[in-house]
PDB file of N, CA and C in Angstrom:
ATOM      1  N   MET A   1       0.521  -1.091  -0.097  1.00  0.00           N
ATOM      2  CA  MET A   1      -0.090   0.011   0.149  1.00  0.00           C
ATOM      3  C   MET A   1       0.971   1.176   0.011  1.00  0.00           C
ATOM      4  N   GLY A   2       0.554   2.265  -0.752  1.00  0.00           N
ATOM      5  CA  GLY A   2       1.649   3.330  -0.848  1.00  0.00           C
ATOM      6  C   GLY A   2       1.278   4.199   0.230  1.00  0.00           C
ATOM      7  N   GLU A   3       2.239   5.493   0.346  1.00  0.00           N
ATOM      8  CA  GLU A   3       1.954   6.158   1.533  1.00  0.00           C
ATOM      9  C   GLU A   3       1.120   7.109   1.601  1.00  0.00           C
ATOM     10  N   SER A   4       0.660   7.640   0.390  1.00  0.00           N
ATOM     11  CA  SER A   4      -0.448   8.315   0.285  1.00  0.00           C
ATOM     12  C   SER A   4      -1.750   7.687   0.521  1.00  0.00           C
ATOM     13  N   MET A   5      -1.593   6.522   0.004  1.00  0.00           N
ATOM     14  CA  MET A   5      -2.980   5.732   0.307  1.00  0.00           C
ATOM     15  C   MET A   5      -3.033   5.500   1.658  1.00  0.00           C
ATOM     16  N   SER A   6      -2.081   5.181   2.497  1.00  0.00           N
ATOM     17  CA  SER A   6      -2.165   4.584   3.728  1.00  0.00           C
ATOM     18  C   SER A   6      -2.499   5.845   4.566  1.00  0.00           C
ATOM     19  N   ARG A   7      -2.023   7.008   4.346  1.00  0.00           N
ATOM     20  CA  ARG A   7      -2.354   8.164   5.260  1.00  0.00           C
ATOM     21  C   ARG A   7      -4.087   8.300   4.839  1.00  0.00           C
ATOM     22  N   LEU A   8      -4.763   8.045   3.656  1.00  0.00           N
ATOM     23  CA  LEU A   8      -6.132   8.471   3.396  1.00  0.00           C
ATOM     24  C   LEU A   8      -6.945   6.954   4.183  1.00  0.00           C
ATOM     25  N   LEU A   9      -6.421   5.831   3.921  1.00  0.00           N
ATOM     26  CA  LEU A   9      -7.106   4.761   4.202  1.00  0.00           C
ATOM     27  C   LEU A   9      -7.045   4.142   5.703  1.00  0.00           C
ATOM     28  N   ALA A  10      -6.083   4.459   6.345  1.00  0.00           N
ATOM     29  CA  ALA A  10      -5.997   4.210   7.784  1.00  0.00           C
ATOM     30  C   ALA A  10      -6.827   4.800   8.641  1.00  0.00           C
ATOM     31  N   PRO A  11      -6.929   6.143   8.647  1.00  0.00           N
ATOM     32  CA  PRO A  11      -7.863   6.619   9.239  1.00  0.00           C
ATOM     33  C   PRO A  11      -9.674   6.141   9.326  1.00  0.00           C
ATOM     34  N   LEU A  12      -9.874   6.084   7.967  1.00  0.00           N
ATOM     35  CA  LEU A  12     -10.841   5.338   7.385  1.00  0.00           C
ATOM     36  C   LEU A  12     -11.083   3.972   8.212  1.00  0.00           C
ATOM     37  N   LEU A  13     -10.322   3.211   7.831  1.00  0.00           N
ATOM     38  CA  LEU A  13     -10.379   1.898   8.642  1.00  0.00           C
ATOM     39  C   LEU A  13     -10.640   2.019  10.049  1.00  0.00           C
ATOM     40  N   ASP A  14      -9.657   2.761  10.787  1.00  0.00           N
ATOM     41  CA  ASP A  14      -9.994   2.958  12.149  1.00  0.00           C
ATOM     42  C   ASP A  14     -11.253   3.414  12.701  1.00  0.00           C
ATOM     43  N   LEU A  15     -11.774   4.578  11.923  1.00  0.00           N
ATOM     44  CA  LEU A  15     -12.948   4.887  12.348  1.00  0.00           C
ATOM     45  C   LEU A  15     -14.335   3.922  11.991  1.00  0.00           C
ATOM     46  N   LEU A  16     -13.956   3.028  10.838  1.00  0.00           N
ATOM     47  CA  LEU A  16     -15.036   1.932  10.727  1.00  0.00           C
ATOM     48  C   LEU A  16     -14.948   0.803  11.911  1.00  0.00           C
ATOM     49  N   ALA A  17     -13.444   0.721  12.169  1.00  0.00           N
ATOM     50  CA  ALA A  17     -13.682  -0.395  13.542  1.00  0.00           C
ATOM     51  C   ALA A  17     -14.810   0.184  14.599  1.00  0.00           C
ATOM     52  N   VAL A  18     -14.536   1.488  15.007  1.00  0.00           N
ATOM     53  CA  VAL A  18     -15.058   2.218  16.115  1.00  0.00           C
ATOM     54  C   VAL A  18     -16.650   2.114  15.650  1.00  0.00           C
ATOM     55  N   ALA A  19     -17.000   2.624  14.624  1.00  0.00           N
ATOM     56  CA  ALA A  19     -18.351   2.238  14.347  1.00  0.00           C
ATOM     57  C   ALA A  19     -18.638   1.184  14.058  1.00  0.00           C
ATOM     58  N   ILE A  20     -18.271  -0.140  14.049  1.00  0.00           N
ATOM     59  CA  ILE A  20     -18.754  -1.272  13.746  1.00  0.00           C
ATOM     60  C   ILE A  20     -19.129  -1.887  15.413  1.00  0.00           C
ATOM     61  N   PHE A  21     -17.830  -1.023  16.236  1.00  0.00           N
ATOM     62  CA  PHE A  21     -17.969  -1.450  17.420  1.00  0.00           C
ATOM     63  C   PHE A  21     -19.313  -0.933  18.038  1.00  0.00           C
ATOM     64  N   ALA A  22     -19.638   0.467  17.804  1.00  0.00           N
ATOM     65  CA  ALA A  22     -20.937   0.938  18.204  1.00  0.00           C
ATOM     66  C   ALA A  22     -21.919   0.447  17.846  1.00  0.00           C
ATOM     67  N   LEU A  23     -22.084  -0.014  16.667  1.00  0.00           N
ATOM     68  CA  LEU A  23     -23.086  -0.846  16.095  1.00  0.00           C
ATOM     69  C   LEU A  23     -23.394  -2.130  16.745  1.00  0.00           C
ATOM     70  N   VAL A  24     -22.469  -2.992  16.902  1.00  0.00           N
ATOM     71  CA  VAL A  24     -22.633  -4.076  17.551  1.00  0.00           C
ATOM     72  C   VAL A  24     -22.968  -4.134  19.160  1.00  0.00           C
ATOM     73  N   GLY A  25     -22.448  -3.070  19.599  1.00  0.00           N
ATOM     74  CA  GLY A  25     -22.806  -2.857  20.975  1.00  0.00           C
ATOM     75  C   GLY A  25     -24.201  -2.531  21.230  1.00  0.00           C
ATOM     76  N   ARG A  26     -24.783  -1.637  20.229  1.00  0.00           N
ATOM     77  CA  ARG A  26     -25.908  -1.240  20.426  1.00  0.00           C
ATOM     78  C   ARG A  26     -27.106  -2.584  20.304  1.00  0.00           C
ATOM     79  N   ARG A  27     -26.743  -3.246  19.629  1.00  0.00           N
ATOM     80  CA  ARG A  27     -27.583  -4.290  18.943  1.00  0.00           C
ATOM     81  C   ARG A  27     -27.516  -5.013  20.015  1.00  0.00           C
ATOM     82  N   SER A  28     -26.451  -5.412  20.565  1.00  0.00           N
ATOM     83  CA  SER A  28     -26.345  -6.464  21.537  1.00  0.00           C
ATOM     84  C   SER A  28     -27.032  -6.207  22.602  1.00  0.00           C
ATOM     85  N   HIS A  29     -27.329  -4.782  23.006  1.00  0.00           N
ATOM     86  CA  HIS A  29     -27.901  -4.362  24.295  1.00  0.00           C
ATOM     87  C   HIS A  29     -29.360  -3.714  23.926  1.00  0.00           C
ATOM     88  N   ALA A  30     -29.730  -4.340  22.745  1.00  0.00           N
ATOM     89  CA  ALA A  30     -31.204  -4.027  22.316  1.00  0.00           C
ATOM     90  C   ALA A  30     -31.257  -2.416  22.062  1.00  0.00           C
ATOM     91  N   HIS A  31     -30.609  -1.688  21.788  1.00  0.00           N
ATOM     92  CA  HIS A  31     -30.616  -0.316  21.538  1.00  0.00           C
ATOM     93  C   HIS A  31     -31.264  -0.017  20.249  1.00  0.00           C
ATOM     94  N   GLY A  32     -31.877   0.996  19.932  1.00  0.00           N
ATOM     95  CA  GLY A  32     -32.366   1.302  18.509  1.00  0.00           C
ATOM     96  C   GLY A  32     -31.006   1.558  17.375  1.00  0.00           C
ATOM     97  N   ILE A  33     -31.045   1.011  16.359  1.00  0.00           N
ATOM     98  CA  ILE A  33     -30.061   0.802  15.337  1.00  0.00           C
ATOM     99  C   ILE A  33     -30.291   2.194  14.327  1.00  0.00           C
ATOM    100  N   THR A  34     -29.914   3.310  14.766  1.00  0.00           N
ATOM    101  CA  THR A  34     -30.407   4.536  14.202  1.00  0.00           C
ATOM    102  C   THR A  34     -28.984   5.095  13.661  1.00  0.00           C
ATOM    103  N   LEU A  35     -28.775   6.048  12.863  1.00  0.00           N
ATOM    104  CA  LEU A  35     -27.490   6.713  12.501  1.00  0.00           C
ATOM    105  C   LEU A  35     -27.065   7.582  13.891  1.00  0.00           C
ATOM    106  N   VAL A  36     -28.141   8.402  14.338  1.00  0.00           N
ATOM    107  CA  VAL A  36     -27.911   8.978  15.674  1.00  0.00           C
ATOM    108  C   VAL A  36     -27.294   8.471  16.759  1.00  0.00           C
ATOM    109  N   GLY A  37     -28.035   7.323  16.883  1.00  0.00           N
ATOM    110  CA  GLY A  37     -27.806   6.422  18.098  1.00  0.00           C
ATOM    111  C   GLY A  37     -26.478   5.740  17.675  1.00  0.00           C
ATOM    112  N   VAL A  38     -25.947   5.223  16.807  1.00  0.00           N
ATOM    113  CA  VAL A  38     -24.718   4.788  16.498  1.00  0.00           C
ATOM    114  C   VAL A  38     -23.751   5.826  16.570  1.00  0.00           C
ATOM    115  N   LEU A  39     -24.055   7.172  16.286  1.00  0.00           N
ATOM    116  CA  LEU A  39     -23.106   8.381  16.321  1.00  0.00           C
ATOM    117  C   LEU A  39     -23.008   8.667  17.905  1.00  0.00           C
ATOM    118  N   GLU A  40     -23.878   8.739  18.514  1.00  0.00           N
ATOM    119  CA  GLU A  40     -23.808   9.064  19.920  1.00  0.00           C
ATOM    120  C   GLU A  40     -22.870   7.852  20.748  1.00  0.00           C
ATOM    121  N   THR A  41     -23.320   6.655  20.407  1.00  0.00           N
ATOM    122  CA  THR A  41     -22.379   5.628  21.032  1.00  0.00           C
ATOM    123  C   THR A  41     -20.912   5.905  20.603  1.00  0.00           C
ATOM    124  N   ALA A  42     -20.841   5.870  19.239  1.00  0.00           N
ATOM    125  CA  ALA A  42     -19.387   5.951  19.105  1.00  0.00           C
ATOM    126  C   ALA A  42     -18.597   7.244  19.332  1.00  0.00           C
ATOM    127  N   ALA A  43     -19.457   8.407  19.545  1.00  0.00           N
ATOM    128  CA  ALA A  43     -18.639   9.797  19.732  1.00  0.00           C
ATOM    129  C   ALA A  43     -17.412   9.899  20.715  1.00  0.00           C
ATOM    130  N   PRO A  44     -17.718   9.303  21.822  1.00  0.00           N
ATOM    131  CA  PRO A  44     -16.309   9.146  22.692  1.00  0.00           C
ATOM    132  C   PRO A  44     -15.103   8.654  22.410  1.00  0.00           C
ATOM    133  N   PHE A  45     -15.530   7.525  21.489  1.00  0.00           N
ATOM    134  CA  PHE A  45     -14.143   6.607  20.842  1.00  0.00           C
ATOM    135  C   PHE A  45     -13.662   7.271  19.647  1.00  0.00           C
ATOM    136  N   LEU A  46     -14.688   8.018  18.835  1.00  0.00           N
ATOM    137  CA  LEU A  46     -14.303   8.574  17.939  1.00  0.00           C
ATOM    138  C   LEU A  46     -13.329   9.992  18.281  1.00  0.00           C
ATOM    139  N   CYS A  47     -13.529  10.487  19.210  1.00  0.00           N
ATOM    140  CA  CYS A  47     -12.555  11.434  19.761  1.00  0.00           C
ATOM    141  C   CYS A  47     -11.305  10.803  20.055  1.00  0.00           C
ATOM    142  N   GLY A  48     -11.592   9.651  20.835  1.00  0.00           N
ATOM    143  CA  GLY A  48     -10.231   9.223  21.078  1.00  0.00           C
ATOM    144  C   GLY A  48      -9.255   8.577  20.239  1.00  0.00           C
ATOM    145  N   THR A  49      -9.966   8.528  18.988  1.00  0.00           N
ATOM    146  CA  THR A  49      -9.260   7.878  17.737  1.00  0.00           C
ATOM    147  C   THR A  49      -8.482   8.972  17.352  1.00  0.00           C
ATOM    148  N   ALA A  50      -9.270  10.062  17.023  1.00  0.00           N
ATOM    149  CA  ALA A  50      -8.671  11.477  16.564  1.00  0.00           C
ATOM    150  C   ALA A  50      -7.601  12.008  17.521  1.00  0.00           C
ATOM    151  N   ALA A  51      -7.836  11.870  19.049  1.00  0.00           N
ATOM    152  CA  ALA A  51      -6.272  12.156  19.713  1.00  0.00           C
ATOM    153  C   ALA A  51      -5.322  11.193  19.623  1.00  0.00           C
ATOM    154  N   GLY A  52      -5.779  10.138  19.307  1.00  0.00           N
ATOM    155  CA  GLY A  52      -4.725   8.946  18.980  1.00  0.00           C
ATOM    156  C   GLY A  52      -3.564   9.234  17.784  1.00  0.00           C
ATOM    157  N   TYR A  53      -4.324   9.710  16.550  1.00  0.00           N
ATOM    158  CA  TYR A  53      -3.667  10.237  15.352  1.00  0.00           C
ATOM    159  C   TYR A  53      -2.801  11.250  15.529  1.00  0.00           C
ATOM    160  N   LEU A  54      -3.436  12.442  16.499  1.00  0.00           N
ATOM    161  CA  LEU A  54      -2.672  13.289  16.837  1.00  0.00           C
ATOM    162  C   LEU A  54      -1.380  13.028  17.743  1.00  0.00           C
ATOM    163  N   VAL A  55      -1.589  12.518  18.633  1.00  0.00           N
ATOM    164  CA  VAL A  55      -0.401  11.998  19.472  1.00  0.00           C
ATOM    165  C   VAL A  55       0.556  11.061  18.764  1.00  0.00           C
ATOM    166  N   ALA A  56       0.204  10.021  18.116  1.00  0.00           N
ATOM    167  CA  ALA A  56       1.052   9.144  17.248  1.00  0.00           C
ATOM    168  C   ALA A  56       1.858   9.997  16.008  1.00  0.00           C
ATOM    169  N   SER A  57       1.107  10.816  15.456  1.00  0.00           N
ATOM    170  CA  SER A  57       1.739  11.721  14.557  1.00  0.00           C
ATOM    171  C   SER A  57       2.959  12.406  15.030  1.00  0.00           C
ATOM    172  N   ILE A  58       2.809  13.122  16.223  1.00  0.00           N
ATOM    173  CA  ILE A  58       3.824  13.799  17.038  1.00  0.00           C
ATOM    174  C   ILE A  58       4.764  12.919  17.698  1.00  0.00           C
ATOM    175  N   ALA A  59       4.550  11.579  18.165  1.00  0.00           N
ATOM    176  CA  ALA A  59       5.371  11.121  19.004  1.00  0.00           C
ATOM    177  C   ALA A  59       6.150   9.858  17.970  1.00  0.00           C
ATOM    178  N   THR A  60       5.721   9.664  16.933  1.00  0.00           N
ATOM    179  CA  THR A  60       6.686   8.729  16.136  1.00  0.00           C
ATOM    180  C   THR A  60       6.489   9.050  14.586  1.00  0.00           C
ATOM    181  N   ASP A  61       7.611   8.543  13.862  1.00  0.00           N
ATOM    182  CA  ASP A  61       7.644   8.817  12.436  1.00  0.00           C
ATOM    183  C   ASP A  61       6.979   7.573  11.930  1.00  0.00           C
ATOM    184  N   ALA A  62       6.447   6.709  12.691  1.00  0.00           N
ATOM    185  CA  ALA A  62       5.793   5.455  11.876  1.00  0.00           C
ATOM    186  C   ALA A  62       4.647   5.975  11.017  1.00  0.00           C
ATOM    187  N   ALA A  63       4.543   5.083  10.166  1.00  0.00           N
ATOM    188  CA  ALA A  63       3.368   5.262   9.217  1.00  0.00           C
ATOM    189  C   ALA A  63       2.086   4.831   9.878  1.00  0.00           C
ATOM    190  N   PRO A  64       1.014   5.432   9.507  1.00  0.00           N
ATOM    191  CA  PRO A  64      -0.443   5.118   9.852  1.00  0.00           C
ATOM    192  C   PRO A  64      -0.632   3.447   9.928  1.00  0.00           C
ATOM    193  N   ARG A  65      -0.156   2.951   9.329  1.00  0.00           N
ATOM    194  CA  ARG A  65      -0.401   1.728   8.805  1.00  0.00           C
ATOM    195  C   ARG A  65       0.510   0.601   9.766  1.00  0.00           C
ATOM    196  N   SER A  66       1.398   1.358  10.308  1.00  0.00           N
ATOM    197  CA  SER A  66       2.452   0.575  11.323  1.00  0.00           C
ATOM    198  C   SER A  66       1.617   0.067  12.649  1.00  0.00           C
ATOM    199  N   TRP A  67       2.213  -1.018  13.094  1.00  0.00           N
ATOM    200  CA  TRP A  67       1.390  -1.513  14.261  1.00  0.00           C
ATOM    201  C   TRP A  67       1.890  -0.451  15.529  1.00  0.00           C
ATOM    202  N   GLN A  68       2.911   0.364  15.397  1.00  0.00           N
ATOM    203  CA  GLN A  68       3.600   1.000  16.470  1.00  0.00           C
ATOM    204  C   GLN A  68       2.334   2.280  16.404  1.00  0.00           C
ATOM    205  N   PHE A  69       1.937   2.931  15.387  1.00  0.00           N
ATOM    206  CA  PHE A  69       1.113   3.931  15.190  1.00  0.00           C
ATOM    207  C   PHE A  69      -0.281   3.282  15.502  1.00  0.00           C
ATOM    208  N   GLY A  70      -0.789   2.074  15.304  1.00  0.00           N
ATOM    209  CA  GLY A  70      -1.797   1.552  15.413  1.00  0.00           C
ATOM    210  C   GLY A  70      -2.045   1.433  16.785  1.00  0.00           C
ATOM    211  N   THR A  71      -0.893   0.972  17.793  1.00  0.00           N
ATOM    212  CA  THR A  71      -1.214   0.654  19.046  1.00  0.00           C
ATOM    213  C   THR A  71      -1.212   1.949  19.784  1.00  0.00           C
ATOM    214  N   ILE A  72      -0.918   3.272  19.555  1.00  0.00           N
ATOM    215  CA  ILE A  72      -0.854   4.281  20.081  1.00  0.00           C
ATOM    216  C   ILE A  72      -2.275   4.954  19.685  1.00  0.00           C
ATOM    217  N   VAL A  73      -3.033   4.755  18.633  1.00  0.00           N
ATOM    218  CA  VAL A  73      -4.235   4.727  18.163  1.00  0.00           C
ATOM    219  C   VAL A  73      -5.293   3.878  19.326  1.00  0.00           C
ATOM    220  N   VAL A  74      -4.929   3.052  19.392  1.00  0.00           N
ATOM    221  CA  VAL A  74      -5.666   1.914  20.275  1.00  0.00           C
ATOM    222  C   VAL A  74      -5.855   2.259  21.774  1.00  0.00           C
ATOM    223  N   VAL A  75      -4.948   2.490  22.424  1.00  0.00           N
ATOM    224  CA  VAL A  75      -5.006   3.030  23.581  1.00  0.00           C
ATOM    225  C   VAL A  75      -5.604   4.286  23.691  1.00  0.00           C
ATOM    226  N   ALA A  76      -5.347   5.386  22.944  1.00  0.00           N
ATOM    227  CA  ALA A  76      -5.991   6.607  23.034  1.00  0.00           C
ATOM    228  C   ALA A  76      -7.334   6.355  22.779  1.00  0.00           C
ATOM    229  N   THR A  77      -7.840   5.430  21.700  1.00  0.00           N
ATOM    230  CA  THR A  77      -9.175   5.504  21.474  1.00  0.00           C
ATOM    231  C   THR A  77      -9.893   4.846  22.800  1.00  0.00           C
ATOM    232  N   VAL A  78      -9.364   4.021  23.209  1.00  0.00           N
ATOM    233  CA  VAL A  78     -10.101   3.099  24.374  1.00  0.00           C
ATOM    234  C   VAL A  78      -9.867   4.311  25.796  1.00  0.00           C
ATOM    235  N   VAL A  79      -8.856   4.542  26.076  1.00  0.00           N
ATOM    236  CA  VAL A  79      -8.818   5.691  27.330  1.00  0.00           C
ATOM    237  C   VAL A  79      -9.598   6.819  26.889  1.00  0.00           C
ATOM    238  N   VAL A  80      -9.291   7.761  26.178  1.00  0.00           N
ATOM    239  CA  VAL A  80     -10.084   8.713  25.814  1.00  0.00           C
ATOM    240  C   VAL A  80     -11.648   8.426  25.721  1.00  0.00           C
ATOM    241  N   GLY A  81     -11.747   7.710  25.301  1.00  0.00           N
ATOM    242  CA  GLY A  81     -13.523   7.166  24.932  1.00  0.00           C
ATOM    243  C   GLY A  81     -14.006   6.820  26.404  1.00  0.00           C
ATOM    244  N   MET A  82     -13.464   5.901  27.162  1.00  0.00           N
ATOM    245  CA  MET A  82     -14.046   5.988  28.577  1.00  0.00           C
ATOM    246  C   MET A  82     -13.765   6.998  29.369  1.00  0.00           C
ATOM    247  N   LEU A  83     -13.072   7.874  29.279  1.00  0.00           N
ATOM    248  CA  LEU A  83     -12.960   9.144  30.090  1.00  0.00           C
ATOM    249  C   LEU A  83     -14.129   9.898  29.661  1.00  0.00           C
ATOM    250  N   PHE A  84     -14.320  10.128  28.536  1.00  0.00           N
ATOM    251  CA  PHE A  84     -15.772  10.892  28.055  1.00  0.00           C
ATOM    252  C   PHE A  84     -17.043  10.184  28.362  1.00  0.00           C
ATOM    253  N   ARG A  85     -16.789   8.611  28.399  1.00  0.00           N
ATOM    254  CA  ARG A  85     -18.298   7.919  28.984  1.00  0.00           C
ATOM    255  C   ARG A  85     -18.310   8.229  30.213  1.00  0.00           C
ATOM    256  N   ARG A  86     -17.330   8.362  31.148  1.00  0.00           N
ATOM    257  CA  ARG A  86     -17.073   8.636  32.548  1.00  0.00           C
ATOM    258  C   ARG A  86     -18.016   9.991  32.863  1.00  0.00           C
ATOM    259  N   LEU A  87     -17.224  10.615  32.115  1.00  0.00           N
ATOM    260  CA  LEU A  87     -17.830  12.236  32.229  1.00  0.00           C
ATOM    261  C   LEU A  87     -19.337  12.326  31.768  1.00  0.00           C
ATOM    262  N   ALA A  88     -19.798  11.734  30.790  1.00  0.00           N
ATOM    263  CA  ALA A  88     -20.983  11.757  30.560  1.00  0.00           C
ATOM    264  C   ALA A  88     -22.023  10.747  31.306  1.00  0.00           C
ATOM    265  N   ALA A  89     -21.366  10.123  32.514  1.00  0.00           N
ATOM    266  CA  ALA A  89     -22.210   9.210  33.319  1.00  0.00           C
ATOM    267  C   ALA A  89     -22.610   7.853  32.547  1.00  0.00           C
ATOM    268  N   ALA A  90     -22.032   7.645  31.476  1.00  0.00           N
ATOM    269  CA  ALA A  90     -22.245   6.466  30.536  1.00  0.00           C
ATOM    270  C   ALA A  90     -21.475   5.401  31.476  1.00  0.00           C
ATOM    271  N   GLY A  91     -21.970   4.027  30.660  1.00  0.00           N
ATOM    272  CA  GLY A  91     -21.386   2.896  31.728  1.00  0.00           C
ATOM    273  C   GLY A  91     -19.704   2.828  31.078  1.00  0.00           C
ATOM    274  N   THR A  92     -19.104   2.521  32.455  1.00  0.00           N
ATOM    275  CA  THR A  92     -17.764   2.469  32.117  1.00  0.00           C
ATOM    276  C   THR A  92     -16.950   0.943  32.813  1.00  0.00           C
ATOM    277  N   ALA A  93     -17.990   0.183  33.123  1.00  0.00           N
ATOM    278  CA  ALA A  93     -17.773  -1.138  33.829  1.00  0.00           C
ATOM    279  C   ALA A  93     -16.495  -1.939  33.211  1.00  0.00           C
ATOM    280  N   PRO A  94     -15.944  -2.641  34.334  1.00  0.00           N
ATOM    281  CA  PRO A  94     -14.470  -3.406  34.272  1.00  0.00           C
ATOM    282  C   PRO A  94     -14.697  -4.109  32.852  1.00  0.00           C
ATOM    283  N   SER A  95     -15.797  -4.771  32.695  1.00  0.00           N
ATOM    284  CA  SER A  95     -15.954  -5.673  31.838  1.00  0.00           C
ATOM    285  C   SER A  95     -16.421  -5.173  30.470  1.00  0.00           C
ATOM    286  N   PHE A  96     -17.009  -4.112  30.705  1.00  0.00           N
ATOM    287  CA  PHE A  96     -17.024  -3.132  29.002  1.00  0.00           C
ATOM    288  C   PHE A  96     -15.626  -2.655  28.749  1.00  0.00           C
ATOM    289  N   ILE A  97     -14.791  -2.079  29.795  1.00  0.00           N
ATOM    290  CA  ILE A  97     -13.623  -1.899  29.139  1.00  0.00           C
ATOM    291  C   ILE A  97     -12.578  -2.837  28.637  1.00  0.00           C
ATOM    292  N   VAL A  98     -12.826  -3.957  29.142  1.00  0.00           N
ATOM    293  CA  VAL A  98     -11.900  -5.450  28.592  1.00  0.00           C
ATOM    294  C   VAL A  98     -12.598  -5.554  27.065  1.00  0.00           C
ATOM    295  N   VAL A  99     -13.869  -5.630  26.917  1.00  0.00           N
ATOM    296  CA  VAL A  99     -14.395  -5.932  25.830  1.00  0.00           C
ATOM    297  C   VAL A  99     -13.987  -4.821  24.886  1.00  0.00           C
ATOM    298  N   ALA A 100     -14.137  -3.618  25.177  1.00  0.00           N
ATOM    299  CA  ALA A 100     -13.547  -2.516  24.286  1.00  0.00           C
ATOM    300  C   ALA A 100     -12.548  -2.450  23.817  1.00  0.00           C
ATOM    301  N   THR A 101     -11.605  -3.051  24.754  1.00  0.00           N
ATOM    302  CA  THR A 101     -10.314  -3.026  24.648  1.00  0.00           C
ATOM    303  C   THR A 101      -9.673  -4.142  23.659  1.00  0.00           C
ATOM    304  N   ILE A 102     -10.570  -5.329  23.734  1.00  0.00           N
ATOM    305  CA  ILE A 102     -10.174  -6.468  22.922  1.00  0.00           C
ATOM    306  C   ILE A 102     -10.526  -6.142  21.497  1.00  0.00           C
ATOM    307  N   PHE A 103     -11.807  -5.738  21.505  1.00  0.00           N
ATOM    308  CA  PHE A 103     -12.639  -5.516  19.977  1.00  0.00           C
ATOM    309  C   PHE A 103     -11.746  -4.373  19.370  1.00  0.00           C
ATOM    310  N   LEU A 104     -11.390  -3.594  19.922  1.00  0.00           N
ATOM    311  CA  LEU A 104     -10.781  -2.403  19.218  1.00  0.00           C
ATOM    312  C   LEU A 104      -9.247  -2.754  18.664  1.00  0.00           C
ATOM    313  N   ALA A 105      -8.566  -3.256  19.767  1.00  0.00           N
ATOM    314  CA  ALA A 105      -7.462  -3.600  19.496  1.00  0.00           C
ATOM    315  C   ALA A 105      -7.486  -4.877  18.173  1.00  0.00           C
ATOM    316  N   VAL A 106      -8.198  -5.744  18.384  1.00  0.00           N
ATOM    317  CA  VAL A 106      -8.055  -6.964  17.180  1.00  0.00           C
ATOM    318  C   VAL A 106      -8.436  -6.194  16.125  1.00  0.00           C
ATOM    319  N   THR A 107      -9.574  -5.240  15.988  1.00  0.00           N
ATOM    320  CA  THR A 107     -10.171  -4.654  14.649  1.00  0.00           C
ATOM    321  C   THR A 107      -8.910  -3.744  14.051  1.00  0.00           C
ATOM    322  N   MET A 108      -8.686  -2.853  15.053  1.00  0.00           N
ATOM    323  CA  MET A 108      -7.707  -1.725  14.509  1.00  0.00           C
ATOM    324  C   MET A 108      -6.313  -2.400  14.109  1.00  0.00           C
ATOM    325  N   LEU A 109      -5.754  -3.263  14.803  1.00  0.00           N
ATOM    326  CA  LEU A 109      -4.387  -3.826  14.522  1.00  0.00           C
ATOM    327  C   LEU A 109      -4.518  -5.350  13.398  1.00  0.00           C
ATOM    328  N   ALA A 110      -5.522  -5.582  13.305  1.00  0.00           N
ATOM    329  CA  ALA A 110      -5.774  -6.811  12.310  1.00  0.00           C
ATOM    330  C   ALA A 110      -5.610  -6.274  10.841  1.00  0.00           C
ATOM    331  N   TRP A 111      -6.208  -5.311  10.680  1.00  0.00           N
ATOM    332  CA  TRP A 111      -5.906  -4.564   9.307  1.00  0.00           C
ATOM    333  C   TRP A 111      -4.858  -4.472   8.906  1.00  0.00           C
ATOM    334  N   ARG A 112      -3.957  -3.931   9.774  1.00  0.00           N
ATOM    335  CA  ARG A 112      -2.632  -3.355   9.662  1.00  0.00           C
ATOM    336  C   ARG A 112      -1.612  -4.536   9.633  1.00  0.00           C
ATOM    337  N   VAL A 113      -1.671  -5.748  10.386  1.00  0.00           N
ATOM    338  CA  VAL A 113      -1.296  -6.835   9.868  1.00  0.00           C
ATOM    339  C   VAL A 113      -1.280  -7.518   8.542  1.00  0.00           C
ATOM    340  N   ILE A 114      -2.723  -7.458   7.847  1.00  0.00           N
ATOM    341  CA  ILE A 114      -2.970  -7.846   6.646  1.00  0.00           C
ATOM    342  C   ILE A 114      -2.319  -6.756   5.787  1.00  0.00           C
ATOM    343  N   ALA A 115      -2.411  -5.753   6.024  1.00  0.00           N
ATOM    344  CA  ALA A 115      -1.682  -4.624   5.195  1.00  0.00           C
ATOM    345  C   ALA A 115      -0.128  -4.981   4.645  1.00  0.00           C
ATOM    346  N   ARG A 116       0.306  -5.486   5.869  1.00  0.00           N
ATOM    347  CA  ARG A 116       1.809  -5.957   5.830  1.00  0.00           C
ATOM    348  C   ARG A 116       2.210  -6.683   4.394  1.00  0.00           C
ATOM    349  N   PHE A 117       0.934  -7.612   4.383  1.00  0.00           N
ATOM    350  CA  PHE A 117       1.303  -8.757   3.348  1.00  0.00           C
ATOM    351  C   PHE A 117       0.694  -8.518   2.034  1.00  0.00           C
ATOM    352  N   VAL A 118      -0.036  -7.211   1.819  1.00  0.00           N
ATOM    353  CA  VAL A 118      -0.421  -7.053   0.722  1.00  0.00           C
ATOM    354  C   VAL A 118       0.022  -6.046  -0.180  1.00  0.00           C
TER     355      VAL A 118
END
C-alpha cells in the first residue's frame, strides 16, 4: 500500500472499526440502530481515535499503517473514549473496558497486519 493511500485509508479503517464497535454494542444491548444512536455511542471513541492520530503523529515517525502507530491509536481510543463516557455518566464497567479494548485492538491492529502482506 502506497504511503499516500495509507494516510487516507488508515483513519477510515480505524473509524470503521469504532463504528462497527458501536453498532454491535447497540445491537447486543437492544438499543435502536439509528444513525444518530450509533454516532452518539461512537462519539467518545471517535474523539479518542482522533486524539490517537494526533499523539501518534507527534510521537513517532511510523506510518499510520504500522503496528506502532496503531497501538497508540488503540490506547488513545479506549482511554479517551472511557474518560468521555465517565464524564457523561455512561457505563464504564470493568467488563465493558475489557470488551472494548479487545474488540478495538483486534479490529484496529488486524487490518495493519493484513496490510503488511498486501
